C-alpha cells in the first residue's frame, strides 16, 4: 500500500516537472519572439532584419548553423543573405542542388525536418561533413508571402545537443512569418524612398526650367517695343558688382519659384 502511494506521488511529481519544463520552454520562445520583434521593428533595411533573425535563432537554440536564404524575383537565383556562424556573409549566390532540403522547402512552401541528417539518403553526398561537424537535425522553414515562398530559414543542431521538438518548429514558423512581414515593409520603404528621391528632383528641375523661360519671355516682352542702341559700351556704365547682384537676385527668385515657395 505504502509502495503504491509512493509510486503515485513519484509519477505526479514527474508530470509536474515535465509541465514546468514545458512552460519554461514556452517562456523562452516568447522572450525570443519579443526580442526579435524589438529588433526588426526598429529597422526598415532588409540586411539588418535577416541578420537579427539569424543571430537570435542561433543564440536561442545554440545551433551549429542558422542561415537565411532569399530568392530573387523570378525564382531563378537563391542567395545566402545572413548567417549566424559567419555574420560577414551577406550576399552569396548558392547552388540549391547542393541543398536538396532547401530546394524542397522553396519549391513546396512546406517545412522540411530531417531528424538524423547523417543517415538521410538525400544528404549522402555531404555525410562526411555532417559527421565531422556532429550535425543531428536539419530544419528548413520557408519564408512565405501570400502563399509563395520567397526564402527560407535553415537551422542545424548539434548531435549532442537538444533535439528540435514540434513546439520548436512551430516557433520557427512564427519567426518566419514575422520575417516575411518585416521584409515586405522594408521593401515598401525602399521603394518609397526611391520615389521620394527621384520624383521631387525631377519636378523641381521642370519648375526651374519653366521659371527661367517665363522670366526670359517677360523680360524680352518688356523691352521688345523699346528702341535705341544696344551695345556693350552701354553696359560698361554699370558696375560689375551691381550686375552680379542683379544676377544673384534673379537666381534666388527662380529657385524660389522652382521649389514652390
C-alpha atoms as a PDB file:
ATOM      1  CA  UNK A   1       0.000   0.000   0.000  1.00  0.00           C
ATOM      2  CA  UNK A   2       2.744   2.401   1.018  1.00  0.00           C
ATOM      3  CA  UNK A   3       4.732   1.439  -2.078  1.00  0.00           C
ATOM      4  CA  UNK A   4       1.824   2.183  -4.452  1.00  0.00           C
ATOM      5  CA  UNK A   5       1.183   5.570  -2.801  1.00  0.00           C
ATOM      6  CA  UNK A   6       4.838   6.476  -3.048  1.00  0.00           C
ATOM      7  CA  UNK A   7       4.883   5.393  -6.690  1.00  0.00           C
ATOM      8  CA  UNK A   8       1.828   7.512  -7.431  1.00  0.00           C
ATOM      9  CA  UNK A   9       3.394  10.550  -5.806  1.00  0.00           C
ATOM     10  CA  UNK A  10       6.576   9.984  -7.802  1.00  0.00           C
ATOM     11  CA  UNK A  11       4.633   9.840 -11.071  1.00  0.00           C
ATOM     12  CA  UNK A  12       2.730  13.006 -10.142  1.00  0.00           C
ATOM     13  CA  UNK A  13       5.975  14.773  -9.316  1.00  0.00           C
ATOM     14  CA  UNK A  14       7.460  13.696 -12.641  1.00  0.00           C
ATOM     15  CA  UNK A  15       4.410  15.055 -14.504  1.00  0.00           C
ATOM     16  CA  UNK A  16       4.717  18.355 -12.646  1.00  0.00           C
ATOM     17  CA  UNK A  17       8.395  18.583 -13.524  1.00  0.00           C
ATOM     18  CA  UNK A  18       7.625  17.927 -17.186  1.00  0.00           C
ATOM     19  CA  UNK A  19       4.919  20.574 -17.092  1.00  0.00           C
ATOM     20  CA  UNK A  20       7.315  23.095 -15.543  1.00  0.00           C
ATOM     21  CA  UNK A  21       9.922  22.305 -18.182  1.00  0.00           C
ATOM     22  CA  UNK A  22       7.330  22.724 -20.927  1.00  0.00           C
ATOM     23  CA  UNK A  23       6.220  26.088 -19.543  1.00  0.00           C
ATOM     24  CA  UNK A  24       9.824  27.224 -19.240  1.00  0.00           C
ATOM     25  CA  UNK A  25      10.395  26.175 -22.853  1.00  0.00           C
ATOM     26  CA  UNK A  26       7.407  28.236 -23.976  1.00  0.00           C
ATOM     27  CA  UNK A  27       8.609  31.185 -21.887  1.00  0.00           C
ATOM     28  CA  UNK A  28      11.958  31.157 -23.678  1.00  0.00           C
ATOM     29  CA  UNK A  29      10.145  31.080 -27.011  1.00  0.00           C
ATOM     30  CA  UNK A  30       8.001  34.073 -26.077  1.00  0.00           C
ATOM     31  CA  UNK A  31      11.004  36.045 -24.880  1.00  0.00           C
ATOM     32  CA  UNK A  32      12.840  35.256 -28.106  1.00  0.00           C
ATOM     33  CA  UNK A  33       9.853  36.405 -30.185  1.00  0.00           C
ATOM     34  CA  UNK A  34       9.677  39.660 -28.221  1.00  0.00           C
ATOM     35  CA  UNK A  35      13.399  40.267 -28.711  1.00  0.00           C
ATOM     36  CA  UNK A  36      13.157  39.545 -32.429  1.00  0.00           C
ATOM     37  CA  UNK A  37      10.165  41.867 -32.771  1.00  0.00           C
ATOM     38  CA  UNK A  38      12.015  44.642 -30.953  1.00  0.00           C
ATOM     39  CA  UNK A  39      14.999  44.330 -33.255  1.00  0.00           C
ATOM     40  CA  UNK A  40      13.248  44.041 -36.614  1.00  0.00           C
ATOM     41  CA  UNK A  41      10.606  46.624 -35.737  1.00  0.00           C
ATOM     42  CA  UNK A  42      13.351  49.187 -35.289  1.00  0.00           C
ATOM     43  CA  UNK A  43      14.780  48.677 -38.770  1.00  0.00           C
ATOM     44  CA  UNK A  44      13.470  49.059 -42.304  1.00  0.00           C
ATOM     45  CA  UNK A  45      16.569  47.666 -44.002  1.00  0.00           C
ATOM     46  CA  UNK A  46      16.412  44.020 -45.020  1.00  0.00           C
ATOM     47  CA  UNK A  47      20.074  43.310 -44.203  1.00  0.00           C
ATOM     48  CA  UNK A  48      19.578  44.326 -40.581  1.00  0.00           C
ATOM     49  CA  UNK A  49      16.362  42.299 -40.373  1.00  0.00           C
ATOM     50  CA  UNK A  50      17.767  38.991 -41.615  1.00  0.00           C
ATOM     51  CA  UNK A  51      20.965  39.351 -39.568  1.00  0.00           C
ATOM     52  CA  UNK A  52      18.949  39.971 -36.400  1.00  0.00           C
ATOM     53  CA  UNK A  53      16.728  36.939 -37.012  1.00  0.00           C
ATOM     54  CA  UNK A  54      19.657  34.609 -37.751  1.00  0.00           C
ATOM     55  CA  UNK A  55      21.540  35.754 -34.676  1.00  0.00           C
ATOM     56  CA  UNK A  56      18.579  35.439 -32.316  1.00  0.00           C
ATOM     57  CA  UNK A  57      17.632  31.965 -33.523  1.00  0.00           C
ATOM     58  CA  UNK A  58      21.229  30.778 -33.320  1.00  0.00           C
ATOM     59  CA  UNK A  59      21.566  32.047 -29.760  1.00  0.00           C
ATOM     60  CA  UNK A  60      18.165  30.735 -28.656  1.00  0.00           C
ATOM     61  CA  UNK A  61      18.808  27.149 -29.738  1.00  0.00           C
ATOM     62  CA  UNK A  62      22.612  27.011 -29.608  1.00  0.00           C
ATOM     63  CA  UNK A  63      22.711  25.965 -33.256  1.00  0.00           C
ATOM     64  CA  UNK A  64      25.536  24.643 -35.367  1.00  0.00           C
ATOM     65  CA  UNK A  65      24.182  26.728 -38.234  1.00  0.00           C
ATOM     66  CA  UNK A  66      21.392  29.223 -38.809  1.00  0.00           C
ATOM     67  CA  UNK A  67      21.188  30.786 -42.235  1.00  0.00           C
ATOM     68  CA  UNK A  68      18.622  32.800 -44.138  1.00  0.00           C
ATOM     69  CA  UNK A  69      18.173  32.438 -47.872  1.00  0.00           C
ATOM     70  CA  UNK A  70      16.168  34.708 -50.149  1.00  0.00           C
ATOM     71  CA  UNK A  71      15.042  34.130 -53.717  1.00  0.00           C
ATOM     72  CA  UNK A  72      15.433  36.789 -56.363  1.00  0.00           C
ATOM     73  CA  UNK A  73      12.481  37.879 -58.474  1.00  0.00           C
ATOM     74  CA  UNK A  74      11.585  35.056 -60.842  1.00  0.00           C
ATOM     75  CA  UNK A  75      12.950  32.386 -58.507  1.00  0.00           C
ATOM     76  CA  UNK A  76      15.979  31.577 -60.653  1.00  0.00           C
ATOM     77  CA  UNK A  77      18.616  32.628 -58.111  1.00  0.00           C
ATOM     78  CA  UNK A  78      18.874  31.930 -54.380  1.00  0.00           C
ATOM     79  CA  UNK A  79      21.178  33.984 -52.192  1.00  0.00           C
ATOM     80  CA  UNK A  80      22.535  33.395 -48.705  1.00  0.00           C
ATOM     81  CA  UNK A  81      21.890  36.777 -47.080  1.00  0.00           C
ATOM     82  CA  UNK A  82      22.535  36.106 -43.376  1.00  0.00           C
ATOM     83  CA  UNK A  83      24.493  33.577 -41.327  1.00  0.00           C
ATOM     84  CA  UNK A  84      24.674  33.105 -37.578  1.00  0.00           C
ATOM     85  CA  UNK A  85      28.077  31.409 -37.629  1.00  0.00           C
ATOM     86  CA  UNK A  86      29.589  33.933 -40.080  1.00  0.00           C
ATOM     87  CA  UNK A  87      27.910  37.372 -39.939  1.00  0.00           C
ATOM     88  CA  UNK A  88      30.215  38.671 -42.697  1.00  0.00           C
ATOM     89  CA  UNK A  89      28.267  36.638 -45.277  1.00  0.00           C
ATOM     90  CA  UNK A  90      25.715  38.992 -46.799  1.00  0.00           C
ATOM     91  CA  UNK A  91      25.027  38.220 -50.449  1.00  0.00           C
ATOM     92  CA  UNK A  92      26.282  34.840 -51.619  1.00  0.00           C
ATOM     93  CA  UNK A  93      24.707  33.000 -54.540  1.00  0.00           C
ATOM     94  CA  UNK A  94      24.162  29.309 -53.708  1.00  0.00           C
ATOM     95  CA  UNK A  95      23.586  26.227 -55.809  1.00  0.00           C
ATOM     96  CA  UNK A  96      20.321  24.824 -54.427  1.00  0.00           C
ATOM     97  CA  UNK A  97      21.093  21.438 -55.962  1.00  0.00           C
ATOM     98  CA  UNK A  98      23.698  21.055 -53.201  1.00  0.00           C
ATOM     99  CA  UNK A  99      20.956  21.637 -50.629  1.00  0.00           C
ATOM    100  CA  UNK A 100      18.094  19.281 -51.542  1.00  0.00           C
ATOM    101  CA  UNK A 101      16.294  20.046 -48.276  1.00  0.00           C
ATOM    102  CA  UNK A 102      16.412  23.789 -49.044  1.00  0.00           C
ATOM    103  CA  UNK A 103      15.276  23.216 -52.605  1.00  0.00           C
ATOM    104  CA  UNK A 104      12.322  21.130 -51.422  1.00  0.00           C
ATOM    105  CA  UNK A 105      11.212  23.754 -48.905  1.00  0.00           C
ATOM    106  CA  UNK A 106      11.375  26.528 -51.505  1.00  0.00           C
ATOM    107  CA  UNK A 107       9.526  24.516 -54.121  1.00  0.00           C
ATOM    108  CA  UNK A 108       6.755  23.180 -51.876  1.00  0.00           C
ATOM    109  CA  UNK A 109       6.476  26.038 -49.395  1.00  0.00           C
ATOM    110  CA  UNK A 110       6.395  23.465 -46.586  1.00  0.00           C
ATOM    111  CA  UNK A 111       8.718  22.942 -43.631  1.00  0.00           C
ATOM    112  CA  UNK A 112      11.348  20.242 -44.113  1.00  0.00           C
ATOM    113  CA  UNK A 113      12.545  18.421 -40.994  1.00  0.00           C
ATOM    114  CA  UNK A 114      15.313  15.809 -41.035  1.00  0.00           C
ATOM    115  CA  UNK A 115      15.615  14.030 -37.682  1.00  0.00           C
ATOM    116  CA  UNK A 116      19.046  12.486 -38.398  1.00  0.00           C
ATOM    117  CA  UNK A 117      20.884  14.315 -41.158  1.00  0.00           C
ATOM    118  CA  UNK A 118      23.883  11.954 -41.315  1.00  0.00           C
ATOM    119  CA  UNK A 119      21.634   8.984 -42.142  1.00  0.00           C
ATOM    120  CA  UNK A 120      19.380  10.764 -44.625  1.00  0.00           C
ATOM    121  CA  UNK A 121      19.775   9.275 -48.161  1.00  0.00           C
ATOM    122  CA  UNK A 122      19.317  12.677 -49.818  1.00  0.00           C
ATOM    123  CA  UNK A 123      22.353  14.024 -47.935  1.00  0.00           C
ATOM    124  CA  UNK A 124      24.766  11.164 -48.525  1.00  0.00           C
ATOM    125  CA  UNK A 125      26.964  13.432 -50.686  1.00  0.00           C
ATOM    126  CA  UNK A 126      27.783  15.538 -47.601  1.00  0.00           C
ATOM    127  CA  UNK A 127      27.614  12.784 -44.969  1.00  0.00           C
ATOM    128  CA  UNK A 128      31.307  13.178 -44.080  1.00  0.00           C
ATOM    129  CA  UNK A 129      30.905  16.900 -43.426  1.00  0.00           C
ATOM    130  CA  UNK A 130      27.805  16.343 -41.324  1.00  0.00           C
ATOM    131  CA  UNK A 131      29.575  13.719 -39.208  1.00  0.00           C
ATOM    132  CA  UNK A 132      32.669  15.878 -38.706  1.00  0.00           C
ATOM    133  CA  UNK A 133      30.519  18.777 -37.503  1.00  0.00           C
ATOM    134  CA  UNK A 134      28.398  16.446 -35.343  1.00  0.00           C
ATOM    135  CA  UNK A 135      25.160  17.562 -37.017  1.00  0.00           C
ATOM    136  CA  UNK A 136      21.960  15.981 -35.740  1.00  0.00           C
ATOM    137  CA  UNK A 137      18.819  17.600 -37.161  1.00  0.00           C
ATOM    138  CA  UNK A 138      18.180  19.930 -40.070  1.00  0.00           C
ATOM    139  CA  UNK A 139      15.084  22.098 -40.259  1.00  0.00           C
ATOM    140  CA  UNK A 140      14.209  24.354 -43.192  1.00  0.00           C
ATOM    141  CA  UNK A 141      11.286  26.701 -42.649  1.00  0.00           C
ATOM    142  CA  UNK A 142      10.094  28.594 -45.739  1.00  0.00           C
ATOM    143  CA  UNK A 143       9.569  32.348 -45.577  1.00  0.00           C
ATOM    144  CA  UNK A 144       6.331  32.887 -47.469  1.00  0.00           C
ATOM    145  CA  UNK A 145       4.435  35.914 -48.649  1.00  0.00           C
ATOM    146  CA  UNK A 146       0.868  35.370 -49.887  1.00  0.00           C
ATOM    147  CA  UNK A 147       1.443  31.594 -50.017  1.00  0.00           C
ATOM    148  CA  UNK A 148       4.563  31.965 -52.185  1.00  0.00           C
ATOM    149  CA  UNK A 149       7.979  31.027 -50.782  1.00  0.00           C
ATOM    150  CA  UNK A 150      10.355  33.986 -51.062  1.00  0.00           C
ATOM    151  CA  UNK A 151      13.108  32.443 -48.951  1.00  0.00           C
ATOM    152  CA  UNK A 152      13.825  30.088 -46.079  1.00  0.00           C
ATOM    153  CA  UNK A 153      15.361  29.824 -42.623  1.00  0.00           C
ATOM    154  CA  UNK A 154      17.884  26.981 -42.393  1.00  0.00           C
ATOM    155  CA  UNK A 155      18.632  25.548 -38.926  1.00  0.00           C
ATOM    156  CA  UNK A 156      21.071  22.814 -37.951  1.00  0.00           C
ATOM    157  CA  UNK A 157      21.504  21.329 -34.452  1.00  0.00           C
ATOM    158  CA  UNK A 158      24.436  19.532 -32.848  1.00  0.00           C
ATOM    159  CA  UNK A 159      24.254  15.767 -32.348  1.00  0.00           C
ATOM    160  CA  UNK A 160      24.912  16.030 -28.617  1.00  0.00           C
ATOM    161  CA  UNK A 161      22.553  18.984 -28.155  1.00  0.00           C
ATOM    162  CA  UNK A 162      18.792  19.082 -27.571  1.00  0.00           C
ATOM    163  CA  UNK A 163      16.644  17.819 -30.421  1.00  0.00           C
ATOM    164  CA  UNK A 164      14.151  20.030 -32.182  1.00  0.00           C
ATOM    165  CA  UNK A 165      10.639  19.495 -30.860  1.00  0.00           C
ATOM    166  CA  UNK A 166       7.354  20.210 -32.600  1.00  0.00           C
ATOM    167  CA  UNK A 167       6.950  23.355 -30.494  1.00  0.00           C
ATOM    168  CA  UNK A 168      10.415  24.498 -31.622  1.00  0.00           C
ATOM    169  CA  UNK A 169       9.418  24.032 -35.251  1.00  0.00           C
ATOM    170  CA  UNK A 170       6.178  25.919 -34.691  1.00  0.00           C
ATOM    171  CA  UNK A 171       8.137  28.715 -33.043  1.00  0.00           C
ATOM    172  CA  UNK A 172      10.394  28.944 -36.113  1.00  0.00           C
ATOM    173  CA  UNK A 173       7.312  29.166 -38.330  1.00  0.00           C
ATOM    174  CA  UNK A 174       6.123  32.138 -36.286  1.00  0.00           C
ATOM    175  CA  UNK A 175       9.528  33.786 -36.692  1.00  0.00           C
ATOM    176  CA  UNK A 176       9.464  33.095 -40.444  1.00  0.00           C
ATOM    177  CA  UNK A 177       6.073  34.824 -40.734  1.00  0.00           C
ATOM    178  CA  UNK A 178       7.353  37.828 -38.781  1.00  0.00           C
ATOM    179  CA  UNK A 179      10.416  37.935 -41.027  1.00  0.00           C
ATOM    180  CA  UNK A 180       8.279  37.880 -44.181  1.00  0.00           C
ATOM    181  CA  UNK A 181       6.195  40.836 -42.975  1.00  0.00           C
ATOM    182  CA  UNK A 182       9.279  42.792 -41.913  1.00  0.00           C
ATOM    183  CA  UNK A 183      10.943  42.187 -45.278  1.00  0.00           C
ATOM    184  CA  UNK A 184       7.798  43.287 -47.077  1.00  0.00           C
ATOM    185  CA  UNK A 185       7.693  46.516 -45.059  1.00  0.00           C
ATOM    186  CA  UNK A 186      11.381  47.099 -45.776  1.00  0.00           C
ATOM    187  CA  UNK A 187      10.756  46.577 -49.497  1.00  0.00           C
ATOM    188  CA  UNK A 188       7.904  49.087 -49.465  1.00  0.00           C
ATOM    189  CA  UNK A 189      10.031  51.583 -47.564  1.00  0.00           C
ATOM    190  CA  UNK A 190      12.888  51.279 -50.059  1.00  0.00           C
ATOM    191  CA  UNK A 191      10.515  51.783 -52.980  1.00  0.00           C
ATOM    192  CA  UNK A 192       9.023  54.830 -51.258  1.00  0.00           C
ATOM    193  CA  UNK A 193      12.500  56.244 -50.686  1.00  0.00           C
ATOM    194  CA  UNK A 194      13.311  55.764 -54.362  1.00  0.00           C
ATOM    195  CA  UNK A 195      10.141  57.574 -55.439  1.00  0.00           C
ATOM    196  CA  UNK A 196      10.712  60.393 -52.973  1.00  0.00           C
ATOM    197  CA  UNK A 197      14.321  60.667 -54.065  1.00  0.00           C
ATOM    198  CA  UNK A 198      13.577  60.769 -57.791  1.00  0.00           C
ATOM    199  CA  UNK A 199      10.255  62.490 -58.328  1.00  0.00           C
ATOM    200  CA  UNK A 200      10.748  65.727 -56.340  1.00  0.00           C
ATOM    201  CA  UNK A 201      14.101  66.341 -58.020  1.00  0.00           C
ATOM    202  CA  UNK A 202      12.527  65.858 -61.438  1.00  0.00           C
ATOM    203  CA  UNK A 203       9.610  68.130 -60.632  1.00  0.00           C
ATOM    204  CA  UNK A 204      11.949  70.790 -59.215  1.00  0.00           C
ATOM    205  CA  UNK A 205      14.004  70.760 -62.408  1.00  0.00           C
ATOM    206  CA  UNK A 206      10.870  71.111 -64.508  1.00  0.00           C
ATOM    207  CA  UNK A 207       9.654  74.028 -62.409  1.00  0.00           C
ATOM    208  CA  UNK A 208      13.068  75.667 -62.612  1.00  0.00           C
ATOM    209  CA  UNK A 209      13.077  75.442 -66.409  1.00  0.00           C
ATOM    210  CA  UNK A 210       9.578  76.888 -66.557  1.00  0.00           C
ATOM    211  CA  UNK A 211      10.573  79.723 -64.219  1.00  0.00           C
ATOM    212  CA  UNK A 212      13.647  80.600 -66.274  1.00  0.00           C
ATOM    213  CA  UNK A 213      11.753  80.550 -69.570  1.00  0.00           C
ATOM    214  CA  UNK A 214       8.907  82.580 -68.079  1.00  0.00           C
ATOM    215  CA  UNK A 215      11.332  85.145 -66.723  1.00  0.00           C
ATOM    216  CA  UNK A 216      13.194  85.483 -70.017  1.00  0.00           C
ATOM    217  CA  UNK A 217       9.968  85.710 -72.012  1.00  0.00           C
ATOM    218  CA  UNK A 218       8.608  88.526 -69.847  1.00  0.00           C
ATOM    219  CA  UNK A 219      11.947  90.321 -69.881  1.00  0.00           C
ATOM    220  CA  UNK A 220      12.095  90.244 -73.688  1.00  0.00           C
ATOM    221  CA  UNK A 221       8.451  91.282 -73.975  1.00  0.00           C
ATOM    222  CA  UNK A 222       9.124  94.281 -71.761  1.00  0.00           C
ATOM    223  CA  UNK A 223      11.923  95.605 -73.958  1.00  0.00           C
ATOM    224  CA  UNK A 224      10.648  94.438 -77.343  1.00  0.00           C
ATOM    225  CA  UNK A 225       8.902  97.762 -78.083  1.00  0.00           C
ATOM    226  CA  UNK A 226      11.769  99.958 -76.911  1.00  0.00           C
ATOM    227  CA  UNK A 227      14.178 101.282 -79.469  1.00  0.00           C
ATOM    228  CA  UNK A 228      17.646 102.562 -79.074  1.00  0.00           C
ATOM    229  CA  UNK A 229      21.254 101.474 -79.411  1.00  0.00           C
ATOM    230  CA  UNK A 230      22.128  98.204 -77.696  1.00  0.00           C
ATOM    231  CA  UNK A 231      25.838  97.754 -77.293  1.00  0.00           C
ATOM    232  CA  UNK A 232      28.473  96.554 -74.843  1.00  0.00           C
ATOM    233  CA  UNK A 233      29.611 100.167 -74.365  1.00  0.00           C
ATOM    234  CA  UNK A 234      26.307 100.969 -72.702  1.00  0.00           C
ATOM    235  CA  UNK A 235      26.626  98.015 -70.343  1.00  0.00           C
ATOM    236  CA  UNK A 236      30.033  99.225 -69.322  1.00  0.00           C
ATOM    237  CA  UNK A 237      28.459 102.131 -67.478  1.00  0.00           C
ATOM    238  CA  UNK A 238      27.085  99.805 -64.783  1.00  0.00           C
ATOM    239  CA  UNK A 239      29.473  98.372 -62.299  1.00  0.00           C
ATOM    240  CA  UNK A 240      30.311  94.680 -62.378  1.00  0.00           C
ATOM    241  CA  UNK A 241      29.257  94.388 -58.729  1.00  0.00           C
ATOM    242  CA  UNK A 242      25.748  95.656 -59.458  1.00  0.00           C
ATOM    243  CA  UNK A 243      25.328  93.287 -62.373  1.00  0.00           C
ATOM    244  CA  UNK A 244      26.421  90.381 -60.192  1.00  0.00           C
ATOM    245  CA  UNK A 245      23.943  91.487 -57.527  1.00  0.00           C
ATOM    246  CA  UNK A 246      21.084  91.539 -60.021  1.00  0.00           C
ATOM    247  CA  UNK A 247      22.032  88.098 -61.324  1.00  0.00           C
ATOM    248  CA  UNK A 248      22.055  86.799 -57.757  1.00  0.00           C
ATOM    249  CA  UNK A 249      18.627  88.255 -57.048  1.00  0.00           C
ATOM    250  CA  UNK A 250      17.304  86.753 -60.262  1.00  0.00           C
ATOM    251  CA  UNK A 251      18.581  83.283 -59.477  1.00  0.00           C
ATOM    252  CA  UNK A 252      17.151  83.490 -55.953  1.00  0.00           C
ATOM    253  CA  UNK A 253      13.716  84.294 -57.352  1.00  0.00           C
ATOM    254  CA  UNK A 254      13.989  81.473 -59.900  1.00  0.00           C
ATOM    255  CA  UNK A 255      14.974  78.977 -57.197  1.00  0.00           C
ATOM    256  CA  UNK A 256      12.065  80.040 -55.009  1.00  0.00           C
ATOM    257  CA  UNK A 257       9.672  79.684 -57.904  1.00  0.00           C
ATOM    258  CA  UNK A 258      11.051  76.221 -58.680  1.00  0.00           C
ATOM    259  CA  UNK A 259      10.539  74.999 -55.116  1.00  0.00           C
ATOM    260  CA  UNK A 260       7.056  76.467 -54.912  1.00  0.00           C
ATOM    261  CA  UNK A 261       7.873  78.838 -52.016  1.00  0.00           C
END
